[in-house]
N, C-alpha and C. Protein backbone atom coordinates (compact mmCIF):
# COMPACT_ATOMS: atom_id res chain seq x y z
N MET A 1 -19.58 97.59 12.70
CA MET A 1 -19.18 98.09 14.01
C MET A 1 -20.16 99.11 14.58
N ASN A 2 -21.07 99.60 13.75
CA ASN A 2 -21.89 100.70 14.24
C ASN A 2 -23.34 100.33 14.49
N GLU A 3 -23.62 99.05 14.71
CA GLU A 3 -24.99 98.66 15.03
C GLU A 3 -25.28 98.95 16.50
N PRO A 4 -26.48 99.48 16.81
CA PRO A 4 -26.83 99.74 18.21
C PRO A 4 -26.78 98.46 19.02
N GLN A 5 -26.39 98.60 20.27
CA GLN A 5 -26.28 97.45 21.15
C GLN A 5 -27.27 97.56 22.30
N SER A 6 -27.83 96.42 22.72
CA SER A 6 -28.78 96.42 23.83
C SER A 6 -28.06 96.60 25.17
N GLU A 7 -26.79 96.19 25.22
CA GLU A 7 -25.99 96.35 26.43
C GLU A 7 -24.65 96.95 26.04
N PRO A 8 -24.02 97.67 26.95
CA PRO A 8 -22.73 98.26 26.63
C PRO A 8 -21.71 97.20 26.24
N ILE A 9 -20.92 97.50 25.20
CA ILE A 9 -19.86 96.59 24.79
C ILE A 9 -18.64 96.85 25.64
N PRO A 10 -18.02 95.81 26.19
CA PRO A 10 -16.78 96.03 26.94
C PRO A 10 -15.74 96.72 26.07
N CYS A 11 -15.02 97.65 26.65
CA CYS A 11 -13.94 98.32 25.93
C CYS A 11 -12.90 97.29 25.50
N ARG A 12 -12.45 97.40 24.26
CA ARG A 12 -11.51 96.42 23.73
C ARG A 12 -10.25 97.09 23.20
N LEU A 13 -9.24 96.28 23.02
CA LEU A 13 -7.93 96.78 22.60
C LEU A 13 -7.84 96.86 21.08
N TYR A 14 -7.27 97.95 20.61
CA TYR A 14 -7.09 98.25 19.19
C TYR A 14 -5.59 98.53 19.02
N LEU A 15 -4.89 97.65 18.34
CA LEU A 15 -3.44 97.80 18.17
C LEU A 15 -3.11 98.56 16.89
N VAL A 16 -2.13 99.42 16.98
CA VAL A 16 -1.60 100.15 15.83
C VAL A 16 -0.13 99.82 15.71
N THR A 17 0.32 99.49 14.51
CA THR A 17 1.72 99.12 14.33
C THR A 17 2.62 100.35 14.42
N PRO A 18 3.88 100.16 14.79
CA PRO A 18 4.85 101.25 14.68
C PRO A 18 4.95 101.73 13.23
N PRO A 19 5.41 102.96 13.02
CA PRO A 19 5.46 103.50 11.66
C PRO A 19 6.50 102.85 10.76
N GLN A 20 7.51 102.23 11.35
CA GLN A 20 8.48 101.44 10.59
C GLN A 20 8.67 100.10 11.30
N ILE A 21 8.72 99.03 10.51
CA ILE A 21 8.88 97.71 11.11
C ILE A 21 9.86 96.87 10.30
N GLU A 22 10.51 95.91 10.99
CA GLU A 22 11.22 94.83 10.31
C GLU A 22 10.21 93.70 10.19
N LEU A 23 9.81 93.39 8.99
CA LEU A 23 8.60 92.60 8.77
C LEU A 23 8.61 91.26 9.51
N GLU A 24 9.64 90.46 9.36
CA GLU A 24 9.63 89.13 9.99
C GLU A 24 9.69 89.25 11.51
N LYS A 25 10.50 90.17 11.99
CA LYS A 25 10.57 90.38 13.44
C LYS A 25 9.22 90.85 13.97
N PHE A 26 8.58 91.74 13.22
CA PHE A 26 7.30 92.25 13.70
C PHE A 26 6.21 91.19 13.61
N ALA A 27 6.27 90.32 12.62
CA ALA A 27 5.29 89.23 12.54
C ALA A 27 5.31 88.41 13.82
N ASP A 28 6.50 88.18 14.35
CA ASP A 28 6.63 87.45 15.62
C ASP A 28 6.08 88.26 16.78
N GLN A 29 6.36 89.57 16.79
CA GLN A 29 5.85 90.44 17.85
C GLN A 29 4.32 90.48 17.83
N LEU A 30 3.75 90.53 16.63
CA LEU A 30 2.30 90.59 16.51
C LEU A 30 1.67 89.29 17.02
N THR A 31 2.27 88.17 16.69
CA THR A 31 1.78 86.89 17.19
C THR A 31 1.84 86.85 18.71
N GLN A 32 2.93 87.33 19.26
CA GLN A 32 3.04 87.38 20.72
C GLN A 32 1.95 88.26 21.32
N ALA A 33 1.68 89.39 20.69
CA ALA A 33 0.65 90.30 21.19
C ALA A 33 -0.70 89.60 21.23
N PHE A 34 -1.04 88.91 20.15
CA PHE A 34 -2.33 88.22 20.10
C PHE A 34 -2.40 87.09 21.13
N ASP A 35 -1.26 86.49 21.41
CA ASP A 35 -1.24 85.44 22.43
C ASP A 35 -1.47 86.00 23.83
N GLY A 36 -1.35 87.32 23.98
CA GLY A 36 -1.51 87.94 25.29
C GLY A 36 -2.94 88.14 25.74
N GLY A 37 -3.90 88.01 24.83
CA GLY A 37 -5.29 88.20 25.22
C GLY A 37 -6.10 88.89 24.14
N ASP A 38 -7.24 89.39 24.54
CA ASP A 38 -8.22 89.95 23.59
C ASP A 38 -7.68 91.16 22.84
N VAL A 39 -7.77 91.10 21.52
CA VAL A 39 -7.48 92.23 20.64
C VAL A 39 -8.58 92.26 19.59
N ALA A 40 -9.18 93.42 19.38
CA ALA A 40 -10.27 93.53 18.42
C ALA A 40 -9.79 93.85 17.02
N VAL A 41 -8.80 94.74 16.94
CA VAL A 41 -8.39 95.31 15.65
C VAL A 41 -6.88 95.52 15.67
N VAL A 42 -6.26 95.35 14.51
CA VAL A 42 -4.89 95.83 14.32
C VAL A 42 -4.87 96.70 13.06
N GLN A 43 -4.25 97.86 13.21
CA GLN A 43 -4.15 98.79 12.09
C GLN A 43 -2.69 98.86 11.62
N LEU A 44 -2.47 98.56 10.35
CA LEU A 44 -1.14 98.69 9.76
C LEU A 44 -0.90 100.15 9.43
N ARG A 45 0.07 100.73 10.12
CA ARG A 45 0.34 102.17 9.94
C ARG A 45 1.82 102.34 9.59
N LEU A 46 2.12 102.18 8.31
CA LEU A 46 3.50 102.34 7.83
C LEU A 46 3.60 103.69 7.13
N LYS A 47 4.24 104.64 7.77
CA LYS A 47 4.33 105.99 7.24
C LYS A 47 5.46 106.07 6.21
N ASN A 48 5.15 106.72 5.08
CA ASN A 48 6.15 106.97 4.03
C ASN A 48 6.70 105.69 3.42
N ALA A 49 5.93 104.63 3.47
CA ALA A 49 6.36 103.35 2.88
C ALA A 49 5.88 103.26 1.44
N ALA A 50 6.68 102.63 0.61
CA ALA A 50 6.29 102.40 -0.79
C ALA A 50 5.14 101.41 -0.85
N ASP A 51 4.38 101.47 -1.94
CA ASP A 51 3.22 100.59 -2.08
C ASP A 51 3.60 99.12 -1.94
N ASP A 52 4.69 98.72 -2.57
CA ASP A 52 5.09 97.31 -2.51
C ASP A 52 5.41 96.89 -1.08
N GLU A 53 6.00 97.80 -0.30
CA GLU A 53 6.31 97.48 1.10
C GLU A 53 5.04 97.29 1.90
N VAL A 54 4.06 98.14 1.66
CA VAL A 54 2.78 98.02 2.37
C VAL A 54 2.10 96.71 1.97
N LYS A 55 2.12 96.39 0.69
CA LYS A 55 1.49 95.16 0.22
C LYS A 55 2.16 93.92 0.83
N ARG A 56 3.49 93.94 0.91
CA ARG A 56 4.18 92.80 1.52
C ARG A 56 3.80 92.65 2.99
N ALA A 57 3.69 93.78 3.66
CA ALA A 57 3.31 93.74 5.07
C ALA A 57 1.90 93.20 5.24
N ILE A 58 0.99 93.64 4.39
CA ILE A 58 -0.38 93.13 4.46
C ILE A 58 -0.40 91.62 4.23
N ALA A 59 0.29 91.20 3.19
CA ALA A 59 0.29 89.77 2.85
C ALA A 59 0.87 88.91 3.97
N ARG A 60 1.83 89.45 4.70
CA ARG A 60 2.46 88.69 5.78
C ARG A 60 1.67 88.75 7.08
N LEU A 61 1.11 89.92 7.40
CA LEU A 61 0.52 90.13 8.72
C LEU A 61 -0.98 89.86 8.79
N MET A 62 -1.70 90.10 7.71
CA MET A 62 -3.15 89.91 7.77
C MET A 62 -3.54 88.46 8.08
N PRO A 63 -2.88 87.46 7.50
CA PRO A 63 -3.24 86.08 7.87
C PRO A 63 -3.03 85.79 9.36
N ILE A 64 -2.03 86.41 9.96
CA ILE A 64 -1.82 86.23 11.39
C ILE A 64 -3.01 86.80 12.16
N ALA A 65 -3.42 88.01 11.79
CA ALA A 65 -4.57 88.63 12.45
C ALA A 65 -5.82 87.77 12.30
N HIS A 66 -6.06 87.29 11.11
CA HIS A 66 -7.27 86.50 10.86
C HIS A 66 -7.24 85.17 11.60
N ARG A 67 -6.06 84.64 11.81
CA ARG A 67 -5.94 83.40 12.58
C ARG A 67 -6.43 83.59 14.01
N TYR A 68 -6.31 84.81 14.51
CA TYR A 68 -6.76 85.14 15.86
C TYR A 68 -8.11 85.86 15.85
N ASP A 69 -8.76 85.88 14.69
CA ASP A 69 -10.07 86.54 14.56
C ASP A 69 -9.99 88.03 14.90
N VAL A 70 -8.92 88.68 14.44
CA VAL A 70 -8.71 90.11 14.65
C VAL A 70 -8.88 90.83 13.32
N ALA A 71 -9.65 91.90 13.31
CA ALA A 71 -9.86 92.68 12.08
C ALA A 71 -8.56 93.38 11.69
N PHE A 72 -8.27 93.40 10.39
CA PHE A 72 -7.03 93.98 9.88
C PHE A 72 -7.35 95.20 9.03
N LEU A 73 -6.90 96.37 9.49
CA LEU A 73 -7.15 97.63 8.81
C LEU A 73 -5.83 98.24 8.33
N VAL A 74 -5.91 99.10 7.32
CA VAL A 74 -4.74 99.80 6.80
C VAL A 74 -4.95 101.30 6.96
N ASN A 75 -3.93 101.97 7.46
CA ASN A 75 -4.00 103.41 7.66
C ASN A 75 -3.71 104.15 6.35
N ASP A 76 -4.49 105.17 6.09
CA ASP A 76 -4.25 106.13 5.00
C ASP A 76 -4.55 105.61 3.59
N ARG A 77 -4.52 104.31 3.38
CA ARG A 77 -4.53 103.77 2.02
C ARG A 77 -5.72 102.84 1.76
N PRO A 78 -6.93 103.40 1.65
CA PRO A 78 -8.07 102.55 1.30
C PRO A 78 -7.89 101.83 -0.03
N ASP A 79 -7.12 102.43 -0.96
CA ASP A 79 -6.90 101.79 -2.25
C ASP A 79 -6.15 100.47 -2.10
N LEU A 80 -5.09 100.48 -1.28
CA LEU A 80 -4.34 99.25 -1.05
C LEU A 80 -5.12 98.27 -0.20
N ALA A 81 -5.87 98.79 0.77
CA ALA A 81 -6.70 97.92 1.60
C ALA A 81 -7.71 97.17 0.76
N ALA A 82 -8.33 97.87 -0.18
CA ALA A 82 -9.32 97.25 -1.06
C ALA A 82 -8.66 96.24 -1.99
N ALA A 83 -7.52 96.61 -2.55
CA ALA A 83 -6.83 95.73 -3.50
C ALA A 83 -6.37 94.43 -2.85
N MET A 84 -6.02 94.51 -1.56
CA MET A 84 -5.48 93.35 -0.86
C MET A 84 -6.54 92.60 -0.05
N GLY A 85 -7.79 93.05 -0.12
CA GLY A 85 -8.86 92.33 0.57
C GLY A 85 -8.85 92.48 2.07
N CYS A 86 -8.39 93.63 2.56
CA CYS A 86 -8.35 93.86 4.00
C CYS A 86 -9.76 94.09 4.56
N ASP A 87 -9.86 94.02 5.87
CA ASP A 87 -11.16 94.20 6.51
C ASP A 87 -11.62 95.65 6.52
N GLY A 88 -10.68 96.58 6.32
CA GLY A 88 -11.07 97.98 6.32
C GLY A 88 -9.89 98.90 6.24
N ALA A 89 -10.18 100.19 6.43
CA ALA A 89 -9.15 101.23 6.37
C ALA A 89 -9.46 102.30 7.41
N HIS A 90 -8.40 102.98 7.80
CA HIS A 90 -8.55 104.13 8.70
C HIS A 90 -8.03 105.36 7.98
N ILE A 91 -8.82 106.43 7.98
CA ILE A 91 -8.42 107.64 7.27
C ILE A 91 -8.39 108.82 8.22
N GLY A 92 -7.42 109.72 7.97
CA GLY A 92 -7.31 110.96 8.73
C GLY A 92 -7.97 112.11 7.99
N GLN A 93 -7.94 113.27 8.62
CA GLN A 93 -8.57 114.43 8.02
C GLN A 93 -7.83 114.91 6.77
N ASP A 94 -6.56 114.56 6.64
CA ASP A 94 -5.77 114.98 5.48
C ASP A 94 -5.61 113.88 4.44
N ASP A 95 -6.29 112.77 4.65
CA ASP A 95 -6.20 111.64 3.72
C ASP A 95 -7.37 111.66 2.73
N MET A 96 -7.58 110.57 2.09
CA MET A 96 -8.70 110.44 1.16
C MET A 96 -10.03 110.74 1.86
N LYS A 97 -10.93 111.41 1.17
CA LYS A 97 -12.24 111.73 1.74
C LYS A 97 -13.04 110.45 1.97
N TYR A 98 -13.96 110.54 2.94
CA TYR A 98 -14.72 109.34 3.30
C TYR A 98 -15.47 108.76 2.11
N ALA A 99 -16.14 109.59 1.33
CA ALA A 99 -16.96 109.09 0.21
C ALA A 99 -16.10 108.31 -0.78
N ALA A 100 -14.91 108.81 -1.06
CA ALA A 100 -14.02 108.14 -2.00
C ALA A 100 -13.52 106.82 -1.40
N ALA A 101 -13.23 106.84 -0.10
CA ALA A 101 -12.78 105.62 0.56
C ALA A 101 -13.88 104.56 0.54
N ARG A 102 -15.10 104.97 0.80
CA ARG A 102 -16.22 104.02 0.80
C ARG A 102 -16.45 103.47 -0.59
N ALA A 103 -16.31 104.29 -1.61
CA ALA A 103 -16.49 103.82 -2.98
C ALA A 103 -15.47 102.74 -3.31
N LEU A 104 -14.26 102.89 -2.81
CA LEU A 104 -13.22 101.89 -3.05
C LEU A 104 -13.45 100.63 -2.23
N MET A 105 -13.82 100.81 -0.97
CA MET A 105 -13.89 99.68 -0.04
C MET A 105 -15.18 98.88 -0.16
N GLY A 106 -16.25 99.53 -0.61
CA GLY A 106 -17.53 98.85 -0.66
C GLY A 106 -18.30 99.00 0.63
N PRO A 107 -19.56 98.57 0.65
CA PRO A 107 -20.44 98.85 1.79
C PRO A 107 -20.17 98.03 3.04
N ASP A 108 -19.48 96.91 2.90
CA ASP A 108 -19.37 95.98 4.02
C ASP A 108 -18.03 96.04 4.77
N LYS A 109 -17.13 96.88 4.31
CA LYS A 109 -15.82 96.98 4.96
C LYS A 109 -15.85 98.07 6.04
N ILE A 110 -14.92 97.99 6.96
CA ILE A 110 -14.81 98.95 8.06
C ILE A 110 -14.04 100.18 7.59
N ILE A 111 -14.59 101.35 7.87
CA ILE A 111 -13.87 102.60 7.65
C ILE A 111 -13.97 103.44 8.91
N GLY A 112 -12.82 103.74 9.49
CA GLY A 112 -12.76 104.61 10.66
C GLY A 112 -12.15 105.95 10.30
N VAL A 113 -12.52 106.98 11.05
CA VAL A 113 -12.09 108.34 10.72
C VAL A 113 -11.50 109.03 11.95
N THR A 114 -10.30 109.57 11.79
CA THR A 114 -9.69 110.39 12.83
C THR A 114 -10.41 111.72 12.92
N CYS A 115 -10.76 112.13 14.14
CA CYS A 115 -11.47 113.40 14.33
C CYS A 115 -10.75 114.33 15.32
N HIS A 116 -9.56 113.92 15.78
CA HIS A 116 -8.76 114.73 16.71
C HIS A 116 -9.58 115.08 17.95
N ASP A 117 -9.91 116.36 18.15
CA ASP A 117 -10.77 116.75 19.27
C ASP A 117 -12.01 117.50 18.78
N SER A 118 -12.37 117.27 17.51
CA SER A 118 -13.47 118.00 16.88
C SER A 118 -14.79 117.23 16.96
N ARG A 119 -15.73 117.78 17.67
CA ARG A 119 -17.05 117.17 17.73
C ARG A 119 -17.76 117.28 16.39
N ASP A 120 -17.58 118.41 15.71
CA ASP A 120 -18.22 118.60 14.41
C ASP A 120 -17.71 117.58 13.39
N LYS A 121 -16.40 117.37 13.35
CA LYS A 121 -15.85 116.39 12.40
C LYS A 121 -16.35 114.99 12.71
N ALA A 122 -16.49 114.67 13.98
CA ALA A 122 -16.97 113.35 14.37
C ALA A 122 -18.42 113.15 13.94
N ILE A 123 -19.24 114.13 14.17
CA ILE A 123 -20.65 114.03 13.77
C ILE A 123 -20.76 113.89 12.26
N THR A 124 -19.97 114.68 11.52
CA THR A 124 -19.98 114.59 10.06
C THR A 124 -19.57 113.20 9.60
N ALA A 125 -18.52 112.65 10.19
CA ALA A 125 -18.06 111.31 9.82
C ALA A 125 -19.14 110.27 10.08
N ALA A 126 -19.79 110.37 11.23
CA ALA A 126 -20.84 109.41 11.57
C ALA A 126 -22.02 109.53 10.61
N GLU A 127 -22.39 110.75 10.29
CA GLU A 127 -23.52 110.96 9.38
C GLU A 127 -23.22 110.44 7.98
N GLN A 128 -21.94 110.47 7.60
CA GLN A 128 -21.56 109.96 6.29
C GLN A 128 -21.54 108.44 6.25
N GLY A 129 -21.46 107.81 7.42
CA GLY A 129 -21.49 106.36 7.47
C GLY A 129 -20.27 105.69 8.06
N ALA A 130 -19.36 106.46 8.67
CA ALA A 130 -18.16 105.86 9.26
C ALA A 130 -18.53 104.79 10.27
N ASP A 131 -17.74 103.73 10.32
CA ASP A 131 -18.00 102.63 11.25
C ASP A 131 -17.50 102.93 12.65
N TYR A 132 -16.56 103.85 12.76
CA TYR A 132 -16.14 104.35 14.07
C TYR A 132 -15.46 105.70 13.88
N VAL A 133 -15.42 106.48 14.94
CA VAL A 133 -14.65 107.72 14.95
C VAL A 133 -13.57 107.59 16.01
N ALA A 134 -12.46 108.30 15.81
CA ALA A 134 -11.34 108.24 16.75
C ALA A 134 -10.99 109.63 17.25
N PHE A 135 -10.91 109.77 18.56
CA PHE A 135 -10.49 111.03 19.18
C PHE A 135 -9.10 110.84 19.79
N GLY A 136 -8.29 111.89 19.76
CA GLY A 136 -6.98 111.86 20.39
C GLY A 136 -6.12 113.02 19.90
N ALA A 137 -4.97 113.25 20.53
CA ALA A 137 -4.33 112.38 21.50
C ALA A 137 -4.75 112.79 22.91
N PHE A 138 -5.19 111.79 23.71
CA PHE A 138 -5.63 112.08 25.06
C PHE A 138 -4.47 112.37 26.01
N TYR A 139 -3.34 111.74 25.76
CA TYR A 139 -2.17 111.92 26.62
C TYR A 139 -0.95 112.18 25.74
N PRO A 140 0.13 112.69 26.31
CA PRO A 140 1.33 112.95 25.51
C PRO A 140 1.81 111.68 24.81
N THR A 141 2.23 111.85 23.55
CA THR A 141 2.67 110.71 22.77
C THR A 141 3.83 111.10 21.88
N THR A 142 4.71 110.16 21.65
CA THR A 142 5.82 110.39 20.73
C THR A 142 5.57 109.76 19.38
N ALA A 143 4.42 109.10 19.22
CA ALA A 143 4.13 108.38 17.98
C ALA A 143 3.89 109.33 16.82
N LYS A 144 3.30 110.49 17.09
CA LYS A 144 3.03 111.48 16.06
C LYS A 144 2.75 112.82 16.72
N ILE A 145 2.78 113.87 15.92
CA ILE A 145 2.45 115.20 16.43
C ILE A 145 0.94 115.28 16.58
N ALA A 146 0.49 115.48 17.80
CA ALA A 146 -0.96 115.49 18.06
C ALA A 146 -1.60 116.76 17.52
N LYS A 147 -2.68 116.59 16.77
CA LYS A 147 -3.43 117.73 16.24
C LYS A 147 -4.64 118.05 17.10
N GLY A 148 -4.85 117.25 18.13
CA GLY A 148 -5.96 117.49 19.04
C GLY A 148 -5.59 117.00 20.42
N LYS A 149 -6.15 117.64 21.44
CA LYS A 149 -5.90 117.23 22.82
C LYS A 149 -7.23 117.17 23.57
N PRO A 150 -8.05 116.18 23.23
CA PRO A 150 -9.37 116.09 23.86
C PRO A 150 -9.27 115.64 25.31
N LYS A 151 -10.31 115.95 26.06
CA LYS A 151 -10.46 115.46 27.42
C LYS A 151 -11.34 114.22 27.38
N PRO A 152 -11.25 113.35 28.39
CA PRO A 152 -12.09 112.14 28.39
C PRO A 152 -13.59 112.44 28.28
N GLU A 153 -14.00 113.62 28.71
CA GLU A 153 -15.43 113.97 28.67
C GLU A 153 -16.01 113.90 27.26
N ILE A 154 -15.16 114.04 26.23
CA ILE A 154 -15.68 113.98 24.87
C ILE A 154 -16.20 112.58 24.54
N LEU A 155 -15.63 111.58 25.18
CA LEU A 155 -16.09 110.20 24.98
C LEU A 155 -17.47 109.99 25.59
N THR A 156 -17.69 110.60 26.75
CA THR A 156 -19.01 110.50 27.39
C THR A 156 -20.05 111.22 26.56
N TRP A 157 -19.70 112.42 26.11
CA TRP A 157 -20.63 113.19 25.25
C TRP A 157 -21.00 112.36 24.03
N TRP A 158 -20.02 111.75 23.39
CA TRP A 158 -20.28 110.97 22.18
C TRP A 158 -21.16 109.76 22.49
N SER A 159 -20.82 109.04 23.52
CA SER A 159 -21.57 107.83 23.86
C SER A 159 -23.01 108.13 24.23
N ASP A 160 -23.25 109.32 24.76
CA ASP A 160 -24.60 109.71 25.16
C ASP A 160 -25.50 110.02 23.97
N ILE A 161 -24.90 110.43 22.84
CA ILE A 161 -25.73 110.89 21.72
C ILE A 161 -25.63 110.01 20.48
N MET A 162 -24.61 109.14 20.40
CA MET A 162 -24.38 108.37 19.18
C MET A 162 -24.22 106.88 19.48
N THR A 163 -24.54 106.05 18.49
CA THR A 163 -24.32 104.61 18.59
C THR A 163 -23.06 104.17 17.85
N VAL A 164 -22.49 105.04 17.01
CA VAL A 164 -21.26 104.72 16.30
C VAL A 164 -20.13 104.58 17.33
N PRO A 165 -19.39 103.49 17.31
CA PRO A 165 -18.32 103.29 18.28
C PRO A 165 -17.26 104.38 18.24
N VAL A 166 -16.61 104.56 19.39
CA VAL A 166 -15.59 105.60 19.50
C VAL A 166 -14.28 104.97 19.99
N VAL A 167 -13.19 105.38 19.34
CA VAL A 167 -11.85 104.90 19.68
C VAL A 167 -11.07 106.03 20.33
N ALA A 168 -10.42 105.74 21.43
CA ALA A 168 -9.52 106.69 22.08
C ALA A 168 -8.09 106.32 21.73
N ILE A 169 -7.27 107.33 21.43
CA ILE A 169 -5.89 107.07 21.05
C ILE A 169 -4.98 108.15 21.60
N GLY A 170 -3.73 107.79 21.80
CA GLY A 170 -2.74 108.79 22.17
C GLY A 170 -2.18 108.63 23.57
N GLY A 171 -1.00 108.04 23.68
CA GLY A 171 -0.32 107.94 24.96
C GLY A 171 -1.02 107.09 26.00
N ILE A 172 -1.74 106.07 25.57
CA ILE A 172 -2.54 105.25 26.49
C ILE A 172 -1.74 104.06 27.00
N PHE A 173 -1.74 103.91 28.32
CA PHE A 173 -1.03 102.83 29.01
C PHE A 173 -1.94 102.29 30.12
N PRO A 174 -1.57 101.17 30.74
CA PRO A 174 -2.42 100.63 31.80
C PRO A 174 -2.74 101.62 32.92
N HIS A 175 -1.81 102.51 33.24
CA HIS A 175 -2.05 103.42 34.37
C HIS A 175 -3.03 104.54 34.06
N ASN A 176 -3.21 104.87 32.76
CA ASN A 176 -4.13 105.98 32.45
C ASN A 176 -5.36 105.56 31.65
N VAL A 177 -5.46 104.27 31.32
CA VAL A 177 -6.62 103.82 30.56
C VAL A 177 -7.93 103.86 31.36
N PRO A 178 -7.92 103.73 32.71
CA PRO A 178 -9.20 103.71 33.43
C PRO A 178 -10.10 104.91 33.16
N ALA A 179 -9.53 106.10 33.06
CA ALA A 179 -10.36 107.29 32.83
C ALA A 179 -11.07 107.21 31.48
N LEU A 180 -10.44 106.63 30.49
CA LEU A 180 -11.03 106.52 29.16
C LEU A 180 -12.12 105.45 29.13
N VAL A 181 -11.88 104.36 29.84
CA VAL A 181 -12.89 103.30 29.94
C VAL A 181 -14.13 103.84 30.65
N ALA A 182 -13.91 104.53 31.76
CA ALA A 182 -15.03 105.09 32.52
C ALA A 182 -15.80 106.13 31.72
N ALA A 183 -15.09 106.84 30.85
CA ALA A 183 -15.73 107.90 30.06
C ALA A 183 -16.56 107.35 28.91
N GLY A 184 -16.31 106.09 28.52
CA GLY A 184 -17.15 105.49 27.48
C GLY A 184 -16.45 105.03 26.23
N ALA A 185 -15.11 104.93 26.23
CA ALA A 185 -14.40 104.45 25.05
C ALA A 185 -14.82 103.02 24.72
N ASP A 186 -15.13 102.78 23.45
CA ASP A 186 -15.43 101.42 23.00
C ASP A 186 -14.14 100.65 22.69
N PHE A 187 -13.13 101.39 22.26
CA PHE A 187 -11.82 100.81 21.95
C PHE A 187 -10.75 101.78 22.42
N VAL A 188 -9.61 101.25 22.84
CA VAL A 188 -8.44 102.08 23.12
C VAL A 188 -7.33 101.62 22.21
N ALA A 189 -6.78 102.56 21.45
CA ALA A 189 -5.75 102.25 20.47
C ALA A 189 -4.37 102.54 21.05
N VAL A 190 -3.48 101.58 20.90
CA VAL A 190 -2.15 101.72 21.50
C VAL A 190 -1.07 101.28 20.52
N ILE A 191 0.07 101.91 20.65
CA ILE A 191 1.28 101.51 19.92
C ILE A 191 2.37 101.17 20.94
N SER A 192 2.87 102.22 21.58
CA SER A 192 4.02 102.06 22.49
C SER A 192 3.73 101.12 23.65
N ALA A 193 2.52 101.17 24.18
CA ALA A 193 2.18 100.37 25.36
C ALA A 193 2.33 98.88 25.11
N VAL A 194 2.30 98.47 23.84
CA VAL A 194 2.44 97.05 23.50
C VAL A 194 3.75 96.77 22.78
N PHE A 195 4.00 97.51 21.69
CA PHE A 195 5.12 97.14 20.84
C PHE A 195 6.47 97.69 21.30
N TYR A 196 6.46 98.63 22.22
CA TYR A 196 7.71 99.12 22.80
C TYR A 196 7.84 98.77 24.27
N ALA A 197 6.98 97.90 24.74
CA ALA A 197 6.98 97.54 26.16
C ALA A 197 8.19 96.68 26.50
N GLU A 198 8.84 97.00 27.61
CA GLU A 198 10.00 96.23 28.05
C GLU A 198 9.63 94.79 28.38
N THR A 199 8.40 94.57 28.78
CA THR A 199 7.96 93.23 29.15
C THR A 199 7.68 92.35 27.94
N GLY A 200 7.62 92.96 26.75
CA GLY A 200 7.27 92.22 25.55
C GLY A 200 5.79 92.33 25.23
N PRO A 201 5.41 92.11 23.96
CA PRO A 201 4.03 92.31 23.53
C PRO A 201 3.00 91.44 24.24
N LYS A 202 3.34 90.19 24.52
CA LYS A 202 2.37 89.29 25.15
C LYS A 202 1.98 89.78 26.53
N ALA A 203 2.97 90.08 27.36
CA ALA A 203 2.69 90.57 28.71
C ALA A 203 2.03 91.94 28.67
N ALA A 204 2.39 92.75 27.68
CA ALA A 204 1.82 94.09 27.57
C ALA A 204 0.33 94.05 27.24
N VAL A 205 -0.06 93.17 26.33
CA VAL A 205 -1.49 93.03 26.00
C VAL A 205 -2.25 92.51 27.22
N LYS A 206 -1.68 91.56 27.90
CA LYS A 206 -2.31 91.03 29.12
C LYS A 206 -2.51 92.15 30.13
N ALA A 207 -1.50 92.99 30.32
CA ALA A 207 -1.60 94.08 31.29
C ALA A 207 -2.64 95.10 30.88
N MET A 208 -2.71 95.41 29.58
CA MET A 208 -3.72 96.36 29.10
C MET A 208 -5.13 95.81 29.31
N ASN A 209 -5.33 94.54 28.99
CA ASN A 209 -6.66 93.94 29.17
C ASN A 209 -7.05 93.86 30.64
N GLU A 210 -6.09 93.58 31.50
CA GLU A 210 -6.39 93.55 32.93
C GLU A 210 -6.77 94.94 33.43
N ALA A 211 -6.07 95.97 32.95
CA ALA A 211 -6.40 97.33 33.37
C ALA A 211 -7.78 97.76 32.86
N ILE A 212 -8.11 97.37 31.64
CA ILE A 212 -9.43 97.68 31.08
C ILE A 212 -10.52 96.97 31.89
N ALA A 213 -10.31 95.69 32.17
CA ALA A 213 -11.31 94.92 32.92
C ALA A 213 -11.51 95.48 34.32
N ALA A 214 -10.41 95.84 34.98
CA ALA A 214 -10.51 96.41 36.32
C ALA A 214 -11.25 97.73 36.31
N ALA A 215 -11.00 98.54 35.30
CA ALA A 215 -11.68 99.83 35.18
C ALA A 215 -13.18 99.64 34.97
N ARG A 216 -13.54 98.66 34.17
CA ARG A 216 -14.95 98.41 33.93
C ARG A 216 -15.65 97.91 35.20
N ARG A 217 -14.96 97.08 35.95
CA ARG A 217 -15.56 96.59 37.20
C ARG A 217 -15.81 97.75 38.17
N ARG A 218 -14.83 98.63 38.28
CA ARG A 218 -15.01 99.78 39.18
C ARG A 218 -16.13 100.67 38.69
N HIS A 219 -16.25 100.82 37.38
CA HIS A 219 -17.26 101.71 36.82
C HIS A 219 -18.67 101.15 36.96
N THR A 220 -18.80 99.82 36.94
CA THR A 220 -20.13 99.22 37.00
C THR A 220 -20.56 98.81 38.40
N ASP A 221 -19.63 98.78 39.32
CA ASP A 221 -19.98 98.41 40.70
C ASP A 221 -20.90 99.45 41.35
């Protein structure tokens, strides 16, 4: 994910699962989401779940993601991601250190790092070899207690000096995604905008992609 590009990569959608799921029901929701349009990544984020529960979720959901050519990452648990053959892992500042995660995952897997609103932490993660860094929460969110409240300008600063992709997360919906796209986000990570949408996951992904595309057109015109 961190190879320099000759042309800007269009901002893409990065899905994060709710912290608790009913596995079979969510498998259907995830399929609907993928049917809605372009998705680059899905991150399994099951908080306080037992190892066996996480493994069952990986075994059920990862084949769905791969059927749609979507990368499948696991939050917090590089050990389980490696054991189950996932495409990568996402780690926070309070989780396993990057070096230990890379040792488990190997050189070819994706490892992303949460950096909240810290430029120093992001630079450190990139220098260590992270495949992407994530800033957030940009907007109010009920998904978790935000440890950072960055402004969109941090995405522009990052894009101007680094080639490592940057993910924006936190309270992102179609109405507020344009500012993040214009600022330089390579990916926008969403939970509620898709999986809690009244319209359903398929229509929600379609709406997010349309908002991203419209924002890019305005930015490049």
